């Protein structure tokens, strides 16, 4: 059953909450429902608060949705999981880009031989990690996806070396003040990196609040 309304027995104020996730979950879902037709196993990298996972999974019932993140965020993801469980949603696996390989849930049965997931989704991650970790993410994704598999990335990107809005410029400055290795990535750099790992940009979707959703497909 889809959780179109909050469970009256759940105290929403007690759950970790991201207003950005609340704002973008439906626009992202609209694209996932189109782009993931026929796909069966999705790994979400950087599940954060867990809000996206509990919204997407029951509305994509044909897909097994596996959450993942660094262990410090697992309690947040688990809180949403237990508040709004779905039969095709799984508790988070430990995944630290600096050290770990792509995590595998041994209880998931995948039709992709030697590849546990046929799609990978991540939201608002590339700009909060270093470029070295962005490179490692693409290397791991390129190795783990089967031919025809998809990588879907949501977040802010610069186009042709330019900010797409004054708001994104301010956001980028705040990111770099906090961590000089972070920052909004140039889409062209991301595409070149993807190509190195046999991932080709197939679609670019303009999203609310000057964000984009990039869809890459494994060659």
N, C-alpha and C. Protein backbone atom coordinates (compact mmCIF):
# COMPACT_ATOMS: atom_id res chain seq x y z
N UNK A 1 0.85 -1.19 0.00
CA UNK A 1 0.00 0.00 0.00
C UNK A 1 0.89 1.24 0.00
N UNK A 2 0.54 2.22 -0.81
CA UNK A 2 1.33 3.43 -0.89
C UNK A 2 1.05 4.33 0.31
N UNK A 3 2.13 4.93 0.84
CA UNK A 3 1.98 5.81 2.00
C UNK A 3 1.72 7.23 1.54
N UNK A 4 0.54 7.48 0.99
CA UNK A 4 0.22 8.81 0.50
C UNK A 4 -0.03 9.78 1.64
N UNK A 5 -0.36 9.25 2.78
CA UNK A 5 -0.59 10.09 3.96
C UNK A 5 0.25 9.55 5.10
N UNK A 6 0.70 10.43 5.95
CA UNK A 6 1.52 10.01 7.08
C UNK A 6 0.72 9.11 8.00
N UNK A 7 1.37 8.06 8.46
CA UNK A 7 0.77 7.14 9.41
C UNK A 7 0.45 7.92 10.69
N UNK A 8 -0.80 7.88 11.11
CA UNK A 8 -1.21 8.67 12.26
C UNK A 8 -0.52 8.23 13.53
N UNK A 9 0.04 6.98 13.54
CA UNK A 9 0.70 6.49 14.74
C UNK A 9 2.18 6.89 14.79
N UNK A 10 2.67 7.53 13.73
CA UNK A 10 4.07 7.92 13.67
C UNK A 10 4.19 9.42 13.97
N UNK A 11 5.10 9.75 14.87
CA UNK A 11 5.38 11.15 15.18
C UNK A 11 6.40 11.65 14.18
N UNK A 12 5.93 12.39 13.16
CA UNK A 12 6.82 12.87 12.11
C UNK A 12 7.91 13.76 12.68
N UNK A 13 7.61 14.49 13.75
CA UNK A 13 8.59 15.40 14.33
C UNK A 13 9.74 14.65 15.00
N UNK A 14 9.53 13.37 15.29
CA UNK A 14 10.57 12.59 15.93
C UNK A 14 11.53 11.98 14.93
N UNK A 15 11.21 12.04 13.64
CA UNK A 15 12.05 11.45 12.61
C UNK A 15 13.03 12.49 12.06
N UNK A 16 14.23 12.04 11.65
CA UNK A 16 15.15 12.98 10.98
C UNK A 16 14.48 13.50 9.72
N UNK A 17 14.64 14.77 9.44
CA UNK A 17 13.85 15.38 8.37
C UNK A 17 14.68 16.32 7.53
N UNK A 18 14.53 16.20 6.21
CA UNK A 18 15.16 17.11 5.25
C UNK A 18 14.07 17.75 4.42
N UNK A 19 13.98 19.07 4.49
CA UNK A 19 12.98 19.77 3.70
C UNK A 19 13.25 19.61 2.21
N UNK A 20 14.52 19.55 1.83
CA UNK A 20 14.86 19.36 0.42
C UNK A 20 14.32 18.05 -0.10
N UNK A 21 14.45 16.98 0.70
CA UNK A 21 13.90 15.68 0.29
C UNK A 21 12.38 15.76 0.14
N UNK A 22 11.76 16.44 1.07
CA UNK A 22 10.30 16.59 1.00
C UNK A 22 9.89 17.32 -0.27
N UNK A 23 10.67 18.33 -0.65
CA UNK A 23 10.32 19.14 -1.81
C UNK A 23 10.56 18.41 -3.13
N UNK A 24 11.63 17.59 -3.19
CA UNK A 24 12.00 17.03 -4.49
C UNK A 24 11.57 15.59 -4.72
N UNK A 25 10.98 14.95 -3.71
CA UNK A 25 10.71 13.52 -3.84
C UNK A 25 9.73 13.20 -4.98
N UNK A 26 8.70 14.00 -5.17
CA UNK A 26 7.75 13.69 -6.24
C UNK A 26 8.32 13.96 -7.62
N UNK A 27 9.01 15.10 -7.86
CA UNK A 27 9.63 15.30 -9.18
C UNK A 27 10.65 14.20 -9.52
N UNK A 28 11.41 13.75 -8.52
CA UNK A 28 12.36 12.66 -8.79
C UNK A 28 11.60 11.37 -9.10
N UNK A 29 10.58 11.07 -8.31
CA UNK A 29 9.81 9.84 -8.53
C UNK A 29 9.22 9.81 -9.93
N UNK A 30 8.73 10.94 -10.42
CA UNK A 30 8.14 10.98 -11.76
C UNK A 30 9.13 10.48 -12.80
N UNK A 31 10.41 10.83 -12.62
CA UNK A 31 11.44 10.40 -13.58
C UNK A 31 11.81 8.95 -13.35
N UNK A 32 11.94 8.54 -12.09
CA UNK A 32 12.28 7.15 -11.80
C UNK A 32 11.23 6.20 -12.38
N UNK A 33 9.97 6.57 -12.27
CA UNK A 33 8.91 5.70 -12.79
C UNK A 33 9.03 5.50 -14.29
N UNK A 34 9.58 6.48 -14.98
CA UNK A 34 9.78 6.36 -16.42
C UNK A 34 11.09 5.66 -16.74
N UNK A 35 12.17 6.09 -16.11
CA UNK A 35 13.51 5.59 -16.45
C UNK A 35 13.76 4.17 -15.96
N UNK A 36 13.06 3.74 -14.92
CA UNK A 36 13.33 2.43 -14.33
C UNK A 36 12.31 1.36 -14.71
N UNK A 37 11.56 1.61 -15.74
CA UNK A 37 10.63 0.57 -16.20
C UNK A 37 11.42 -0.66 -16.64
N UNK A 38 11.07 -1.80 -16.11
CA UNK A 38 11.75 -3.05 -16.45
C UNK A 38 12.95 -3.35 -15.58
N UNK A 39 13.33 -2.43 -14.70
CA UNK A 39 14.45 -2.67 -13.79
C UNK A 39 13.93 -3.31 -12.51
N UNK A 40 14.81 -4.03 -11.83
CA UNK A 40 14.35 -4.83 -10.69
C UNK A 40 15.10 -4.60 -9.38
N UNK A 41 16.38 -4.18 -9.44
CA UNK A 41 17.19 -4.05 -8.23
C UNK A 41 17.94 -2.72 -8.25
N UNK A 42 17.62 -1.84 -7.31
CA UNK A 42 18.25 -0.53 -7.24
C UNK A 42 19.02 -0.39 -5.94
N UNK A 43 20.24 0.10 -6.06
CA UNK A 43 21.02 0.49 -4.89
C UNK A 43 20.98 2.00 -4.78
N UNK A 44 20.54 2.49 -3.64
CA UNK A 44 20.58 3.93 -3.36
C UNK A 44 21.86 4.22 -2.57
N UNK A 45 22.72 5.04 -3.14
CA UNK A 45 23.97 5.42 -2.48
C UNK A 45 23.77 6.74 -1.74
N UNK A 46 24.06 6.74 -0.46
CA UNK A 46 23.88 7.95 0.35
C UNK A 46 22.42 8.21 0.65
N UNK A 47 21.79 7.28 1.34
CA UNK A 47 20.34 7.39 1.59
C UNK A 47 19.98 8.48 2.58
N UNK A 48 20.97 9.02 3.29
CA UNK A 48 20.73 10.21 4.12
C UNK A 48 19.75 10.01 5.24
N UNK A 49 18.68 10.78 5.23
CA UNK A 49 17.66 10.66 6.26
C UNK A 49 16.81 9.41 6.07
N UNK A 50 16.74 8.90 4.85
CA UNK A 50 15.88 7.76 4.55
C UNK A 50 14.53 8.16 3.96
N UNK A 51 14.27 9.45 3.86
CA UNK A 51 12.96 9.91 3.36
C UNK A 51 12.69 9.47 1.93
N UNK A 52 13.70 9.58 1.08
CA UNK A 52 13.48 9.19 -0.31
C UNK A 52 13.11 7.73 -0.41
N UNK A 53 13.81 6.88 0.32
CA UNK A 53 13.61 5.44 0.18
C UNK A 53 12.18 5.02 0.52
N UNK A 54 11.62 5.58 1.60
CA UNK A 54 10.28 5.16 1.99
C UNK A 54 9.21 5.74 1.07
N UNK A 55 9.55 6.78 0.35
CA UNK A 55 8.60 7.35 -0.61
C UNK A 55 8.67 6.61 -1.94
N UNK A 56 9.89 6.29 -2.39
CA UNK A 56 10.06 5.67 -3.69
C UNK A 56 9.65 4.20 -3.70
N UNK A 57 10.09 3.44 -2.70
CA UNK A 57 9.92 1.98 -2.74
C UNK A 57 8.47 1.54 -2.94
N UNK A 58 7.51 2.03 -2.14
CA UNK A 58 6.13 1.54 -2.35
C UNK A 58 5.51 2.00 -3.66
N UNK A 59 6.08 3.01 -4.27
CA UNK A 59 5.56 3.52 -5.54
C UNK A 59 6.30 2.93 -6.74
N UNK A 60 7.30 2.12 -6.44
CA UNK A 60 8.01 1.35 -7.47
C UNK A 60 8.00 -0.11 -7.02
N UNK A 61 6.82 -0.71 -6.92
CA UNK A 61 6.69 -2.02 -6.27
C UNK A 61 7.41 -3.15 -6.99
N UNK A 62 7.74 -2.97 -8.27
CA UNK A 62 8.44 -4.02 -9.01
C UNK A 62 9.94 -4.00 -8.75
N UNK A 63 10.42 -3.00 -8.01
CA UNK A 63 11.85 -2.82 -7.77
C UNK A 63 12.19 -3.13 -6.31
N UNK A 64 13.28 -3.89 -6.11
CA UNK A 64 13.84 -4.09 -4.78
C UNK A 64 14.76 -2.90 -4.50
N UNK A 65 14.44 -2.13 -3.47
CA UNK A 65 15.17 -0.89 -3.19
C UNK A 65 16.09 -1.08 -2.00
N UNK A 66 17.39 -1.06 -2.26
CA UNK A 66 18.39 -1.26 -1.21
C UNK A 66 19.03 0.07 -0.82
N UNK A 67 18.86 0.46 0.43
CA UNK A 67 19.48 1.68 0.93
C UNK A 67 20.93 1.41 1.35
N UNK A 68 21.73 2.47 1.37
CA UNK A 68 23.11 2.36 1.84
C UNK A 68 23.62 3.73 2.25
N UNK A 69 24.59 3.73 3.15
CA UNK A 69 25.21 4.99 3.59
C UNK A 69 26.32 4.65 4.57
N UNK A 70 27.06 5.66 5.00
CA UNK A 70 28.01 5.46 6.08
C UNK A 70 27.22 5.09 7.33
N UNK A 71 27.83 4.32 8.21
CA UNK A 71 27.08 3.75 9.33
C UNK A 71 26.49 4.81 10.27
N UNK A 72 27.11 5.98 10.33
CA UNK A 72 26.58 7.02 11.22
C UNK A 72 25.19 7.49 10.81
N UNK A 73 24.80 7.26 9.57
CA UNK A 73 23.46 7.65 9.11
C UNK A 73 22.44 6.52 9.17
N UNK A 74 22.87 5.33 9.54
CA UNK A 74 21.95 4.18 9.50
C UNK A 74 20.77 4.34 10.44
N UNK A 75 20.98 4.96 11.59
CA UNK A 75 19.88 5.11 12.54
C UNK A 75 18.77 5.99 11.97
N UNK A 76 19.16 7.00 11.16
CA UNK A 76 18.15 7.86 10.54
C UNK A 76 17.35 7.07 9.50
N UNK A 77 18.05 6.35 8.66
CA UNK A 77 17.40 5.58 7.61
C UNK A 77 16.50 4.51 8.22
N UNK A 78 17.00 3.85 9.26
CA UNK A 78 16.23 2.80 9.93
C UNK A 78 14.97 3.36 10.58
N UNK A 79 15.06 4.58 11.09
CA UNK A 79 13.88 5.19 11.73
C UNK A 79 12.75 5.35 10.72
N UNK A 80 13.06 5.82 9.53
CA UNK A 80 12.03 5.96 8.50
C UNK A 80 11.57 4.59 8.00
N UNK A 81 12.51 3.66 7.87
CA UNK A 81 12.18 2.31 7.43
C UNK A 81 11.15 1.67 8.37
N UNK A 82 11.38 1.78 9.66
CA UNK A 82 10.47 1.16 10.62
C UNK A 82 9.14 1.93 10.71
N UNK A 83 9.17 3.22 10.44
CA UNK A 83 7.93 4.01 10.47
C UNK A 83 7.06 3.73 9.26
N UNK A 84 7.70 3.51 8.10
CA UNK A 84 6.96 3.29 6.86
C UNK A 84 7.55 2.11 6.09
N UNK A 85 7.40 0.90 6.61
CA UNK A 85 8.00 -0.26 5.95
C UNK A 85 7.30 -0.57 4.63
N UNK A 86 8.06 -1.16 3.73
CA UNK A 86 7.52 -1.64 2.46
C UNK A 86 8.18 -2.98 2.17
N UNK A 87 7.46 -3.90 1.55
CA UNK A 87 8.01 -5.25 1.33
C UNK A 87 9.22 -5.28 0.41
N UNK A 88 9.39 -4.25 -0.40
CA UNK A 88 10.51 -4.20 -1.35
C UNK A 88 11.60 -3.22 -0.93
N UNK A 89 11.57 -2.80 0.35
CA UNK A 89 12.56 -1.85 0.87
C UNK A 89 13.43 -2.55 1.90
N UNK A 90 14.74 -2.26 1.88
CA UNK A 90 15.69 -2.96 2.74
C UNK A 90 16.48 -1.98 3.61
N UNK A 91 16.76 -2.42 4.83
CA UNK A 91 17.57 -1.63 5.76
C UNK A 91 18.94 -1.35 5.15
N UNK A 92 19.59 -0.27 5.58
CA UNK A 92 20.82 0.17 4.92
C UNK A 92 22.00 -0.78 5.10
N UNK A 93 22.80 -0.86 4.05
CA UNK A 93 24.08 -1.52 4.09
C UNK A 93 25.17 -0.47 4.32
N UNK A 94 26.24 -0.87 4.98
CA UNK A 94 27.35 0.05 5.21
C UNK A 94 28.09 0.30 3.90
N UNK A 95 28.27 1.58 3.57
CA UNK A 95 28.97 1.93 2.34
C UNK A 95 29.68 3.26 2.53
N UNK A 96 30.98 3.18 2.70
CA UNK A 96 31.84 4.35 2.78
C UNK A 96 32.67 4.38 1.51
N UNK A 97 32.47 5.38 0.69
CA UNK A 97 33.14 5.45 -0.61
C UNK A 97 34.66 5.42 -0.48
N UNK A 98 35.17 5.87 0.64
CA UNK A 98 36.62 5.93 0.80
C UNK A 98 37.25 4.55 0.96
N UNK A 99 36.45 3.58 1.43
CA UNK A 99 37.05 2.28 1.77
C UNK A 99 36.33 1.07 1.18
N UNK A 100 35.03 1.16 0.99
CA UNK A 100 34.23 -0.03 0.73
C UNK A 100 34.01 -0.30 -0.76
N UNK A 101 33.75 -1.56 -1.07
CA UNK A 101 33.25 -1.95 -2.38
C UNK A 101 31.74 -1.77 -2.38
N UNK A 102 31.12 -1.90 -3.54
CA UNK A 102 29.67 -1.80 -3.61
C UNK A 102 29.05 -2.87 -2.71
N UNK A 103 28.22 -2.48 -1.75
CA UNK A 103 27.67 -3.46 -0.79
C UNK A 103 26.61 -4.34 -1.43
N UNK A 104 26.54 -5.56 -0.95
CA UNK A 104 25.61 -6.53 -1.50
C UNK A 104 24.76 -7.12 -0.38
N UNK A 105 23.47 -7.15 -0.59
CA UNK A 105 22.54 -7.81 0.32
C UNK A 105 22.38 -9.25 -0.16
N UNK A 106 22.89 -10.19 0.60
CA UNK A 106 22.88 -11.59 0.19
C UNK A 106 21.48 -12.16 0.09
N UNK A 107 20.51 -11.47 0.68
CA UNK A 107 19.13 -11.95 0.65
C UNK A 107 18.38 -11.52 -0.61
N UNK A 108 18.99 -10.62 -1.37
CA UNK A 108 18.37 -10.18 -2.61
C UNK A 108 18.72 -11.14 -3.73
N UNK A 109 17.71 -11.52 -4.49
CA UNK A 109 17.93 -12.36 -5.65
C UNK A 109 17.86 -11.48 -6.89
N UNK A 110 18.96 -11.41 -7.62
CA UNK A 110 19.02 -10.58 -8.81
C UNK A 110 19.05 -11.43 -10.06
N UNK A 111 18.35 -10.96 -11.10
CA UNK A 111 18.35 -11.65 -12.39
C UNK A 111 19.59 -11.30 -13.20
N UNK A 112 20.39 -10.32 -12.73
CA UNK A 112 21.60 -9.91 -13.44
C UNK A 112 22.77 -10.75 -12.95
N UNK A 113 23.26 -11.63 -13.79
CA UNK A 113 24.33 -12.51 -13.36
C UNK A 113 25.58 -11.69 -13.06
N UNK A 114 26.16 -11.98 -11.89
CA UNK A 114 27.37 -11.32 -11.41
C UNK A 114 27.18 -9.84 -11.10
N UNK A 115 25.96 -9.33 -11.22
CA UNK A 115 25.68 -7.92 -10.92
C UNK A 115 24.45 -7.85 -10.03
N UNK A 116 24.63 -7.48 -8.75
CA UNK A 116 23.49 -7.50 -7.83
C UNK A 116 22.44 -6.43 -8.12
N UNK A 117 22.84 -5.35 -8.82
CA UNK A 117 21.91 -4.25 -9.08
C UNK A 117 21.92 -3.92 -10.58
N UNK A 118 20.75 -3.64 -11.12
CA UNK A 118 20.72 -3.19 -12.52
C UNK A 118 20.56 -1.68 -12.62
N UNK A 119 20.43 -0.99 -11.48
CA UNK A 119 20.40 0.48 -11.46
C UNK A 119 20.92 0.98 -10.13
N UNK A 120 21.51 2.16 -10.15
CA UNK A 120 22.02 2.82 -8.95
C UNK A 120 21.51 4.25 -8.96
N UNK A 121 21.02 4.69 -7.80
CA UNK A 121 20.49 6.06 -7.65
C UNK A 121 21.22 6.75 -6.52
N UNK A 122 21.53 8.02 -6.71
CA UNK A 122 22.09 8.81 -5.63
C UNK A 122 21.62 10.26 -5.77
N UNK A 123 21.33 10.87 -4.64
CA UNK A 123 20.83 12.25 -4.63
C UNK A 123 21.67 13.11 -3.71
N UNK A 124 22.06 14.28 -4.21
CA UNK A 124 22.77 15.28 -3.41
C UNK A 124 24.01 14.72 -2.72
N UNK A 125 24.82 14.02 -3.51
CA UNK A 125 26.05 13.45 -2.97
C UNK A 125 27.31 14.02 -3.62
N UNK A 126 27.31 14.23 -4.93
CA UNK A 126 28.54 14.59 -5.63
C UNK A 126 29.14 15.90 -5.13
N UNK A 127 28.30 16.83 -4.70
CA UNK A 127 28.82 18.13 -4.27
C UNK A 127 29.27 18.15 -2.81
N UNK A 128 28.99 17.10 -2.05
CA UNK A 128 29.40 17.10 -0.64
C UNK A 128 30.59 16.19 -0.38
N UNK A 129 31.06 15.50 -1.42
CA UNK A 129 32.25 14.66 -1.28
C UNK A 129 33.37 15.23 -2.14
N UNK A 130 34.58 14.77 -1.90
CA UNK A 130 35.72 15.25 -2.67
C UNK A 130 35.66 14.70 -4.09
N UNK A 131 36.40 15.36 -5.01
CA UNK A 131 36.44 14.87 -6.39
C UNK A 131 37.06 13.48 -6.44
N UNK A 132 38.01 13.20 -5.57
CA UNK A 132 38.61 11.86 -5.53
C UNK A 132 37.56 10.80 -5.22
N UNK A 133 36.61 11.12 -4.35
CA UNK A 133 35.54 10.16 -4.04
C UNK A 133 34.52 10.09 -5.17
N UNK A 134 34.31 11.20 -5.87
CA UNK A 134 33.45 11.16 -7.06
C UNK A 134 34.06 10.20 -8.09
N UNK A 135 35.38 10.28 -8.26
CA UNK A 135 36.06 9.38 -9.19
C UNK A 135 35.90 7.93 -8.76
N UNK A 136 36.01 7.68 -7.46
CA UNK A 136 35.88 6.31 -6.97
C UNK A 136 34.45 5.81 -7.13
N UNK A 137 33.48 6.69 -6.92
CA UNK A 137 32.09 6.30 -7.09
C UNK A 137 31.85 5.81 -8.52
N UNK A 138 32.33 6.57 -9.51
CA UNK A 138 32.11 6.17 -10.89
C UNK A 138 32.86 4.89 -11.24
N UNK A 139 34.04 4.71 -10.67
CA UNK A 139 34.78 3.48 -10.92
C UNK A 139 34.01 2.27 -10.37
N UNK A 140 33.48 2.40 -9.17
CA UNK A 140 32.74 1.29 -8.57
C UNK A 140 31.44 1.01 -9.33
N UNK A 141 30.75 2.09 -9.70
CA UNK A 141 29.50 1.92 -10.45
C UNK A 141 29.78 1.27 -11.80
N UNK A 142 30.83 1.74 -12.48
CA UNK A 142 31.16 1.18 -13.78
C UNK A 142 31.46 -0.30 -13.71
N UNK A 143 32.09 -0.74 -12.62
CA UNK A 143 32.41 -2.15 -12.44
C UNK A 143 31.19 -2.99 -12.09
N UNK A 144 30.27 -2.40 -11.33
CA UNK A 144 29.18 -3.21 -10.76
C UNK A 144 27.94 -3.30 -11.63
N UNK A 145 27.69 -2.29 -12.46
CA UNK A 145 26.47 -2.33 -13.28
C UNK A 145 26.64 -3.27 -14.46
N UNK A 146 25.56 -3.97 -14.84
CA UNK A 146 25.60 -4.77 -16.05
C UNK A 146 25.45 -3.88 -17.28
N UNK A 147 25.75 -4.40 -18.44
CA UNK A 147 25.51 -3.66 -19.68
C UNK A 147 24.03 -3.32 -19.75
N UNK A 148 23.72 -2.05 -20.03
CA UNK A 148 22.34 -1.60 -20.04
C UNK A 148 21.86 -1.05 -18.72
N UNK A 149 22.67 -1.26 -17.65
CA UNK A 149 22.30 -0.73 -16.35
C UNK A 149 22.36 0.78 -16.33
N UNK A 150 21.68 1.38 -15.35
CA UNK A 150 21.59 2.83 -15.28
C UNK A 150 22.11 3.38 -13.97
N UNK A 151 22.75 4.55 -14.06
CA UNK A 151 23.14 5.35 -12.91
C UNK A 151 22.36 6.65 -13.00
N UNK A 152 21.60 6.97 -11.95
CA UNK A 152 20.79 8.18 -11.92
C UNK A 152 21.29 9.07 -10.79
N UNK A 153 21.66 10.30 -11.14
CA UNK A 153 22.26 11.22 -10.18
C UNK A 153 21.44 12.51 -10.13
N UNK A 154 20.97 12.83 -8.93
CA UNK A 154 20.21 14.08 -8.72
C UNK A 154 21.07 15.07 -7.94
N UNK A 155 21.01 16.33 -8.33
CA UNK A 155 21.70 17.37 -7.58
C UNK A 155 21.96 18.59 -8.44
N UNK A 156 22.68 19.57 -7.89
CA UNK A 156 23.04 20.76 -8.65
C UNK A 156 24.30 20.50 -9.48
N UNK A 157 24.34 21.07 -10.68
CA UNK A 157 25.51 20.97 -11.54
C UNK A 157 25.73 22.30 -12.24
N UNK A 158 26.99 22.59 -12.54
CA UNK A 158 27.31 23.74 -13.37
C UNK A 158 27.26 23.33 -14.83
N UNK A 159 26.80 24.24 -15.69
CA UNK A 159 26.74 23.98 -17.13
C UNK A 159 27.78 24.85 -17.83
N UNK A 160 28.64 24.23 -18.63
CA UNK A 160 29.66 24.94 -19.40
C UNK A 160 30.51 25.84 -18.49
N UNK A 161 30.79 25.33 -17.29
CA UNK A 161 31.64 26.05 -16.36
C UNK A 161 30.97 27.17 -15.61
N UNK A 162 29.66 27.34 -15.80
CA UNK A 162 28.93 28.45 -15.17
C UNK A 162 27.87 27.95 -14.21
N UNK A 163 27.65 28.71 -13.15
CA UNK A 163 26.55 28.41 -12.25
C UNK A 163 25.23 28.58 -12.98
N UNK A 164 24.26 27.77 -12.64
CA UNK A 164 22.95 27.87 -13.30
C UNK A 164 22.03 28.86 -12.59
N UNK A 165 22.45 29.35 -11.42
CA UNK A 165 21.65 30.36 -10.71
C UNK A 165 22.53 31.02 -9.65
N UNK A 166 22.08 32.19 -9.21
CA UNK A 166 22.78 32.88 -8.13
C UNK A 166 22.71 32.07 -6.84
N UNK A 167 21.59 31.38 -6.65
CA UNK A 167 21.44 30.54 -5.47
C UNK A 167 22.45 29.41 -5.44
N UNK A 168 22.69 28.80 -6.60
CA UNK A 168 23.70 27.74 -6.66
C UNK A 168 25.10 28.28 -6.40
N UNK A 169 25.36 29.49 -6.85
CA UNK A 169 26.67 30.09 -6.59
C UNK A 169 26.88 30.30 -5.09
N UNK A 170 25.85 30.81 -4.42
CA UNK A 170 25.95 31.01 -2.97
C UNK A 170 26.11 29.67 -2.25
N UNK A 171 25.37 28.68 -2.72
CA UNK A 171 25.45 27.34 -2.12
C UNK A 171 26.85 26.76 -2.29
N UNK A 172 27.42 26.93 -3.47
CA UNK A 172 28.76 26.42 -3.74
C UNK A 172 29.79 27.08 -2.82
N UNK A 173 29.65 28.38 -2.63
CA UNK A 173 30.58 29.09 -1.74
C UNK A 173 30.48 28.57 -0.31
N UNK A 174 29.25 28.29 0.14
CA UNK A 174 29.08 27.78 1.50
C UNK A 174 29.66 26.38 1.63
N UNK A 175 29.52 25.57 0.58
CA UNK A 175 30.09 24.22 0.60
C UNK A 175 31.61 24.29 0.73
N UNK A 176 32.23 25.14 -0.07
CA UNK A 176 33.69 25.22 -0.10
C UNK A 176 34.26 25.85 1.16
N UNK A 177 33.48 26.71 1.81
CA UNK A 177 33.92 27.26 3.09
C UNK A 177 33.95 26.18 4.16
N UNK A 178 33.00 25.28 4.08
CA UNK A 178 32.92 24.18 5.03
C UNK A 178 33.98 23.13 4.75
N UNK A 179 34.14 22.81 3.46
CA UNK A 179 35.11 21.80 3.03
C UNK A 179 35.62 22.17 1.64
N UNK A 180 36.86 22.63 1.53
CA UNK A 180 37.39 23.06 0.23
C UNK A 180 37.38 21.98 -0.83
N UNK A 181 37.30 20.72 -0.43
CA UNK A 181 37.29 19.62 -1.41
C UNK A 181 35.90 19.36 -1.98
N UNK A 182 34.89 19.96 -1.39
CA UNK A 182 33.53 19.78 -1.88
C UNK A 182 33.17 20.90 -2.85
N UNK A 183 31.95 20.88 -3.37
CA UNK A 183 31.50 21.94 -4.26
C UNK A 183 30.69 21.40 -5.42
N UNK A 184 29.91 22.27 -6.03
CA UNK A 184 29.09 21.88 -7.18
C UNK A 184 30.00 21.50 -8.34
N UNK A 185 29.72 20.36 -8.96
CA UNK A 185 30.58 19.84 -10.02
C UNK A 185 30.15 20.37 -11.39
N UNK A 186 31.14 20.48 -12.28
CA UNK A 186 30.85 20.83 -13.66
C UNK A 186 30.30 19.59 -14.37
N UNK A 187 29.14 19.73 -14.97
CA UNK A 187 28.52 18.57 -15.61
C UNK A 187 29.43 17.95 -16.67
N UNK A 188 30.15 18.79 -17.39
CA UNK A 188 31.03 18.28 -18.45
C UNK A 188 32.14 17.39 -17.86
N UNK A 189 32.66 17.75 -16.70
CA UNK A 189 33.68 16.92 -16.04
C UNK A 189 33.09 15.58 -15.62
N UNK A 190 31.86 15.61 -15.13
CA UNK A 190 31.19 14.39 -14.69
C UNK A 190 30.95 13.46 -15.88
N UNK A 191 30.54 14.03 -17.00
CA UNK A 191 30.28 13.23 -18.20
C UNK A 191 31.57 12.58 -18.70
N UNK A 192 32.66 13.33 -18.71
CA UNK A 192 33.95 12.77 -19.14
C UNK A 192 34.36 11.63 -18.22
N UNK A 193 34.20 11.83 -16.92
CA UNK A 193 34.54 10.79 -15.96
C UNK A 193 33.67 9.55 -16.19
N UNK A 194 32.39 9.76 -16.41
CA UNK A 194 31.49 8.64 -16.66
C UNK A 194 31.92 7.85 -17.89
N UNK A 195 32.28 8.54 -18.94
CA UNK A 195 32.68 7.88 -20.18
C UNK A 195 33.89 6.97 -19.97
N UNK A 196 34.81 7.39 -19.11
CA UNK A 196 35.98 6.56 -18.81
C UNK A 196 35.56 5.20 -18.28
N UNK A 197 34.45 5.18 -17.57
CA UNK A 197 33.98 3.94 -16.95
C UNK A 197 32.78 3.34 -17.71
N UNK A 198 32.71 3.63 -19.00
CA UNK A 198 31.73 3.01 -19.90
C UNK A 198 30.29 3.37 -19.55
N UNK A 199 30.11 4.59 -19.05
CA UNK A 199 28.79 5.11 -18.74
C UNK A 199 28.53 6.31 -19.62
N UNK A 200 27.44 6.28 -20.36
CA UNK A 200 27.12 7.34 -21.32
C UNK A 200 25.89 8.11 -20.85
N UNK A 201 25.97 9.44 -20.89
CA UNK A 201 24.82 10.27 -20.52
C UNK A 201 23.71 10.08 -21.54
N UNK A 202 22.56 9.59 -21.07
CA UNK A 202 21.44 9.34 -21.98
C UNK A 202 20.34 10.38 -21.85
N UNK A 203 20.18 10.96 -20.66
CA UNK A 203 19.14 11.98 -20.45
C UNK A 203 19.59 12.98 -19.40
N UNK A 204 19.18 14.23 -19.59
CA UNK A 204 19.37 15.27 -18.58
C UNK A 204 18.02 15.91 -18.32
N UNK A 205 17.57 15.86 -17.08
CA UNK A 205 16.28 16.43 -16.72
C UNK A 205 16.49 17.68 -15.87
N UNK A 206 15.85 18.77 -16.27
CA UNK A 206 15.83 19.97 -15.43
C UNK A 206 14.87 19.73 -14.28
N UNK A 207 15.31 20.06 -13.07
CA UNK A 207 14.53 19.80 -11.87
C UNK A 207 14.27 21.10 -11.12
N UNK A 208 13.34 21.08 -10.17
CA UNK A 208 13.07 22.29 -9.38
C UNK A 208 14.30 22.75 -8.60
N UNK A 209 14.31 24.01 -8.23
CA UNK A 209 15.36 24.62 -7.40
C UNK A 209 16.73 24.52 -8.05
N UNK A 210 16.75 24.64 -9.39
CA UNK A 210 18.01 24.69 -10.15
C UNK A 210 18.86 23.43 -9.99
N UNK A 211 18.19 22.30 -9.85
CA UNK A 211 18.86 21.02 -9.82
C UNK A 211 18.66 20.30 -11.15
N UNK A 212 19.38 19.20 -11.32
CA UNK A 212 19.25 18.37 -12.52
C UNK A 212 19.25 16.90 -12.12
N UNK A 213 18.71 16.07 -12.97
CA UNK A 213 18.82 14.64 -12.79
C UNK A 213 19.47 14.07 -14.04
N UNK A 214 20.67 13.50 -13.86
CA UNK A 214 21.43 12.96 -14.97
C UNK A 214 21.25 11.44 -14.99
N UNK A 215 21.00 10.91 -16.18
CA UNK A 215 20.83 9.47 -16.34
C UNK A 215 21.95 8.96 -17.24
N UNK A 216 22.76 8.05 -16.70
CA UNK A 216 23.83 7.41 -17.46
C UNK A 216 23.48 5.95 -17.68
N UNK A 217 23.89 5.42 -18.82
CA UNK A 217 23.64 4.01 -19.12
C UNK A 217 24.96 3.31 -19.42
N UNK A 218 25.10 2.09 -18.89
CA UNK A 218 26.33 1.32 -19.09
C UNK A 218 26.40 0.80 -20.52
N UNK A 219 27.52 1.09 -21.20
CA UNK A 219 27.70 0.64 -22.57
C UNK A 219 27.92 -0.87 -22.60
